[in-house]
């Protein structure tokens, strides 16, 4: 009877070891997926930052172009004059 009990315990031990190996492999797969998602997120953030920098550069270029073709150039540090210039320079029939 004790041999049967011992065999039963050994079988249970082997089954637990198999389950442990499977669980470990599953955890490794999950960690790899998590790492890949983090890396993808970082790549997307880098691309977004680059796009934002390019947008800011293009905005500055547009402002520069608008200032070159301005009909009315405002006095610096005068907010009212700047608004008047913005209206005159952006008016469709100027």
N, C-alpha and C. Protein backbone atom coordinates (compact mmCIF):
# COMPACT_ATOMS: atom_id res chain seq x y z
N UNK A 1 0.82 -1.19 0.00
CA UNK A 1 0.00 0.00 0.00
C UNK A 1 0.87 1.26 0.00
N UNK A 2 1.96 1.25 0.74
CA UNK A 2 2.82 2.41 0.77
C UNK A 2 3.50 2.62 -0.58
N UNK A 3 3.77 1.53 -1.32
CA UNK A 3 4.35 1.68 -2.67
C UNK A 3 3.35 2.34 -3.61
N UNK A 4 2.11 1.97 -3.49
CA UNK A 4 1.08 2.59 -4.33
C UNK A 4 0.97 4.08 -4.00
N UNK A 5 1.02 4.35 -2.73
CA UNK A 5 0.95 5.74 -2.29
C UNK A 5 2.17 6.53 -2.81
N UNK A 6 3.34 5.89 -2.74
CA UNK A 6 4.57 6.52 -3.22
C UNK A 6 4.49 6.75 -4.73
N UNK A 7 4.00 5.79 -5.48
CA UNK A 7 3.85 5.92 -6.94
C UNK A 7 2.85 7.04 -7.27
N UNK A 8 1.78 7.09 -6.51
CA UNK A 8 0.77 8.12 -6.71
C UNK A 8 1.38 9.51 -6.46
N UNK A 9 2.18 9.63 -5.42
CA UNK A 9 2.82 10.90 -5.10
C UNK A 9 3.83 11.29 -6.20
N UNK A 10 4.58 10.32 -6.70
CA UNK A 10 5.55 10.59 -7.77
C UNK A 10 4.84 11.04 -9.05
N UNK A 11 3.71 10.40 -9.36
CA UNK A 11 2.95 10.80 -10.54
C UNK A 11 2.40 12.23 -10.38
N UNK A 12 1.91 12.51 -9.20
CA UNK A 12 1.39 13.85 -8.93
C UNK A 12 2.52 14.87 -9.03
N UNK A 13 3.70 14.51 -8.55
CA UNK A 13 4.86 15.40 -8.62
C UNK A 13 5.23 15.67 -10.07
N UNK A 14 5.25 14.62 -10.90
CA UNK A 14 5.59 14.77 -12.31
C UNK A 14 4.56 15.67 -13.02
N UNK A 15 3.29 15.47 -12.70
CA UNK A 15 2.24 16.29 -13.30
C UNK A 15 2.40 17.76 -12.90
N UNK A 16 2.71 17.98 -11.64
CA UNK A 16 2.92 19.35 -11.17
C UNK A 16 4.13 20.00 -11.85
N UNK A 17 5.19 19.20 -12.05
CA UNK A 17 6.38 19.72 -12.73
C UNK A 17 6.05 20.09 -14.18
N UNK A 18 5.25 19.26 -14.85
CA UNK A 18 4.84 19.56 -16.23
C UNK A 18 4.02 20.84 -16.27
N UNK A 19 3.10 20.96 -15.32
CA UNK A 19 2.27 22.17 -15.25
C UNK A 19 3.12 23.41 -14.98
N UNK A 20 4.12 23.25 -14.13
CA UNK A 20 5.02 24.36 -13.83
C UNK A 20 5.80 24.78 -15.06
N UNK A 21 6.28 23.84 -15.85
CA UNK A 21 7.00 24.15 -17.08
C UNK A 21 6.08 24.88 -18.06
N UNK A 22 4.84 24.39 -18.19
CA UNK A 22 3.88 25.03 -19.09
C UNK A 22 3.55 26.46 -18.61
N UNK A 23 3.37 26.61 -17.32
CA UNK A 23 3.06 27.93 -16.78
C UNK A 23 4.24 28.88 -16.98
N UNK A 24 5.44 28.38 -16.81
CA UNK A 24 6.63 29.21 -17.02
C UNK A 24 6.73 29.65 -18.48
N UNK A 25 6.47 28.74 -19.40
CA UNK A 25 6.51 29.08 -20.82
C UNK A 25 5.44 30.12 -21.15
N UNK A 26 4.28 29.99 -20.57
CA UNK A 26 3.19 30.94 -20.79
C UNK A 26 3.57 32.33 -20.26
N UNK A 27 4.18 32.36 -19.09
CA UNK A 27 4.62 33.64 -18.51
C UNK A 27 5.67 34.29 -19.40
N UNK A 28 6.59 33.50 -19.92
CA UNK A 28 7.62 34.04 -20.81
C UNK A 28 6.98 34.63 -22.07
N UNK A 29 5.98 33.94 -22.63
CA UNK A 29 5.28 34.46 -23.80
C UNK A 29 4.59 35.80 -23.48
N UNK A 30 3.94 35.87 -22.33
CA UNK A 30 3.28 37.11 -21.93
C UNK A 30 4.29 38.24 -21.76
N UNK A 31 5.43 37.94 -21.16
CA UNK A 31 6.46 38.96 -20.98
C UNK A 31 6.99 39.45 -22.33
N UNK A 32 7.15 38.53 -23.29
CA UNK A 32 7.62 38.92 -24.62
C UNK A 32 6.59 39.82 -25.31
N UNK A 33 5.32 39.48 -25.18
CA UNK A 33 4.27 40.31 -25.78
C UNK A 33 4.23 41.69 -25.13
N UNK A 34 4.38 41.74 -23.83
CA UNK A 34 4.40 43.01 -23.11
C UNK A 34 5.58 43.86 -23.55
N UNK A 35 6.75 43.24 -23.65
CA UNK A 35 7.95 43.95 -24.09
C UNK A 35 7.75 44.52 -25.49
N UNK A 36 7.18 43.70 -26.38
CA UNK A 36 6.94 44.15 -27.75
C UNK A 36 5.96 45.32 -27.79
N UNK A 37 4.93 45.26 -26.97
CA UNK A 37 3.95 46.36 -26.95
C UNK A 37 4.60 47.64 -26.39
N UNK A 38 5.45 47.50 -25.41
CA UNK A 38 6.15 48.67 -24.86
C UNK A 38 7.08 49.28 -25.91
N UNK A 39 7.78 48.43 -26.63
CA UNK A 39 8.69 48.91 -27.67
C UNK A 39 7.91 49.60 -28.79
N UNK A 40 6.78 49.03 -29.16
CA UNK A 40 5.94 49.65 -30.18
C UNK A 40 5.44 51.01 -29.71
N UNK A 41 5.03 51.09 -28.45
CA UNK A 41 4.57 52.36 -27.89
C UNK A 41 5.66 53.41 -27.91
N UNK A 42 6.88 53.03 -27.56
CA UNK A 42 8.00 53.97 -27.59
C UNK A 42 8.31 54.43 -29.01
N UNK A 43 8.24 53.50 -29.96
CA UNK A 43 8.47 53.87 -31.36
C UNK A 43 7.41 54.87 -31.83
N UNK A 44 6.16 54.64 -31.45
CA UNK A 44 5.09 55.55 -31.84
C UNK A 44 5.27 56.93 -31.20
N UNK A 45 5.70 56.96 -29.95
CA UNK A 45 5.96 58.24 -29.29
C UNK A 45 7.09 59.00 -29.98
N UNK A 46 8.13 58.29 -30.41
CA UNK A 46 9.24 58.94 -31.12
C UNK A 46 8.74 59.54 -32.44
N UNK A 47 7.91 58.76 -33.16
CA UNK A 47 7.37 59.26 -34.43
C UNK A 47 6.47 60.47 -34.19
N UNK A 48 5.68 60.43 -33.13
CA UNK A 48 4.80 61.55 -32.80
C UNK A 48 5.61 62.81 -32.49
N UNK A 49 6.67 62.65 -31.72
CA UNK A 49 7.51 63.79 -31.37
C UNK A 49 8.14 64.38 -32.63
N UNK A 50 8.60 63.51 -33.52
CA UNK A 50 9.19 63.98 -34.77
C UNK A 50 8.14 64.73 -35.60
N UNK A 51 6.93 64.19 -35.66
CA UNK A 51 5.86 64.85 -36.41
C UNK A 51 5.51 66.20 -35.80
N UNK A 52 5.47 66.28 -34.48
CA UNK A 52 5.18 67.54 -33.81
C UNK A 52 6.26 68.58 -34.12
N UNK A 53 7.52 68.15 -34.14
CA UNK A 53 8.61 69.07 -34.47
C UNK A 53 8.47 69.56 -35.90
N UNK A 54 8.09 68.66 -36.80
CA UNK A 54 7.92 69.04 -38.19
C UNK A 54 6.75 70.01 -38.34
N UNK A 55 5.68 69.79 -37.61
CA UNK A 55 4.52 70.68 -37.65
C UNK A 55 4.91 72.07 -37.17
N UNK A 56 5.65 72.15 -36.08
CA UNK A 56 6.10 73.45 -35.57
C UNK A 56 6.99 74.15 -36.58
N UNK A 57 7.84 73.41 -37.24
CA UNK A 57 8.71 73.99 -38.26
C UNK A 57 7.89 74.54 -39.42
N UNK A 58 6.87 73.78 -39.83
CA UNK A 58 6.01 74.24 -40.92
C UNK A 58 5.19 75.47 -40.51
N UNK A 59 4.74 75.50 -39.26
CA UNK A 59 4.01 76.68 -38.78
C UNK A 59 4.89 77.92 -38.84
N UNK A 60 6.13 77.78 -38.41
CA UNK A 60 7.06 78.91 -38.45
C UNK A 60 7.30 79.34 -39.89
N UNK A 61 7.39 78.38 -40.79
CA UNK A 61 7.60 78.69 -42.20
C UNK A 61 6.39 79.44 -42.76
N UNK A 62 5.19 79.03 -42.41
CA UNK A 62 3.98 79.71 -42.86
C UNK A 62 3.93 81.13 -42.33
N UNK A 63 4.25 81.31 -41.06
CA UNK A 63 4.27 82.65 -40.47
C UNK A 63 5.28 83.52 -41.22
N UNK A 64 6.43 82.96 -41.52
CA UNK A 64 7.45 83.71 -42.24
C UNK A 64 6.95 84.10 -43.63
N UNK A 65 6.32 83.17 -44.32
CA UNK A 65 5.79 83.48 -45.65
C UNK A 65 4.70 84.55 -45.58
N UNK A 66 3.83 84.44 -44.59
CA UNK A 66 2.77 85.45 -44.44
C UNK A 66 3.35 86.82 -44.16
N UNK A 67 4.41 86.87 -43.37
CA UNK A 67 5.00 88.17 -43.04
C UNK A 67 5.68 88.79 -44.26
N UNK A 68 6.13 87.97 -45.17
CA UNK A 68 6.78 88.50 -46.38
C UNK A 68 5.77 89.11 -47.36
N UNK A 69 4.55 88.59 -47.33
CA UNK A 69 3.56 89.11 -48.26
C UNK A 69 2.54 90.01 -47.57
N UNK A 70 2.86 90.44 -46.40
CA UNK A 70 1.92 91.25 -45.63
C UNK A 70 1.72 92.61 -46.29
N UNK A 71 0.49 93.05 -46.31
CA UNK A 71 0.15 94.36 -46.82
C UNK A 71 0.34 95.39 -45.71
N UNK A 72 -0.04 94.99 -44.54
CA UNK A 72 0.04 95.90 -43.39
C UNK A 72 0.92 95.25 -42.33
N UNK A 73 1.97 95.91 -41.94
CA UNK A 73 2.88 95.39 -40.93
C UNK A 73 2.65 96.15 -39.64
N UNK A 74 2.29 95.43 -38.57
CA UNK A 74 1.94 96.09 -37.31
C UNK A 74 3.17 96.56 -36.54
N UNK A 75 2.91 97.46 -35.62
CA UNK A 75 3.94 97.93 -34.70
C UNK A 75 4.18 96.82 -33.68
N UNK A 76 5.43 96.54 -33.41
CA UNK A 76 5.74 95.47 -32.45
C UNK A 76 5.21 95.84 -31.07
N UNK A 77 4.80 94.83 -30.33
CA UNK A 77 4.31 94.95 -28.95
C UNK A 77 3.00 95.73 -28.84
N UNK A 78 2.29 95.91 -29.93
CA UNK A 78 0.98 96.58 -29.90
C UNK A 78 -0.06 95.56 -30.31
N UNK A 79 -0.78 95.03 -29.33
CA UNK A 79 -1.72 93.94 -29.61
C UNK A 79 -2.86 94.39 -30.51
N UNK A 80 -3.33 95.59 -30.33
CA UNK A 80 -4.44 96.08 -31.17
C UNK A 80 -3.97 96.23 -32.61
N UNK A 81 -2.81 96.79 -32.80
CA UNK A 81 -2.27 96.94 -34.15
C UNK A 81 -2.03 95.58 -34.80
N UNK A 82 -1.59 94.61 -34.00
CA UNK A 82 -1.38 93.25 -34.52
C UNK A 82 -2.69 92.65 -34.99
N UNK A 83 -3.77 92.86 -34.23
CA UNK A 83 -5.08 92.34 -34.62
C UNK A 83 -5.57 93.02 -35.90
N UNK A 84 -5.34 94.33 -36.01
CA UNK A 84 -5.73 95.06 -37.22
C UNK A 84 -4.94 94.52 -38.42
N UNK A 85 -3.64 94.30 -38.23
CA UNK A 85 -2.80 93.77 -39.31
C UNK A 85 -3.26 92.36 -39.70
N UNK A 86 -3.60 91.57 -38.71
CA UNK A 86 -4.07 90.21 -38.99
C UNK A 86 -5.35 90.26 -39.83
N UNK A 87 -6.24 91.16 -39.48
CA UNK A 87 -7.49 91.30 -40.22
C UNK A 87 -7.22 91.77 -41.65
N UNK A 88 -6.41 92.80 -41.80
CA UNK A 88 -6.12 93.36 -43.13
C UNK A 88 -5.38 92.34 -43.99
N UNK A 89 -4.37 91.69 -43.42
CA UNK A 89 -3.54 90.76 -44.19
C UNK A 89 -4.27 89.46 -44.53
N UNK A 90 -5.26 89.09 -43.76
CA UNK A 90 -5.99 87.85 -44.03
C UNK A 90 -7.34 88.09 -44.71
N UNK A 91 -7.66 89.34 -44.95
CA UNK A 91 -8.93 89.65 -45.59
C UNK A 91 -8.87 89.17 -47.05
N UNK A 92 -9.89 88.45 -47.52
CA UNK A 92 -9.81 87.84 -48.86
C UNK A 92 -9.65 88.85 -50.00
N UNK A 93 -10.22 90.04 -49.89
CA UNK A 93 -10.17 91.01 -50.98
C UNK A 93 -9.16 92.11 -50.73
N UNK A 94 -8.08 91.80 -50.12
CA UNK A 94 -7.13 92.86 -49.79
C UNK A 94 -6.50 93.38 -51.04
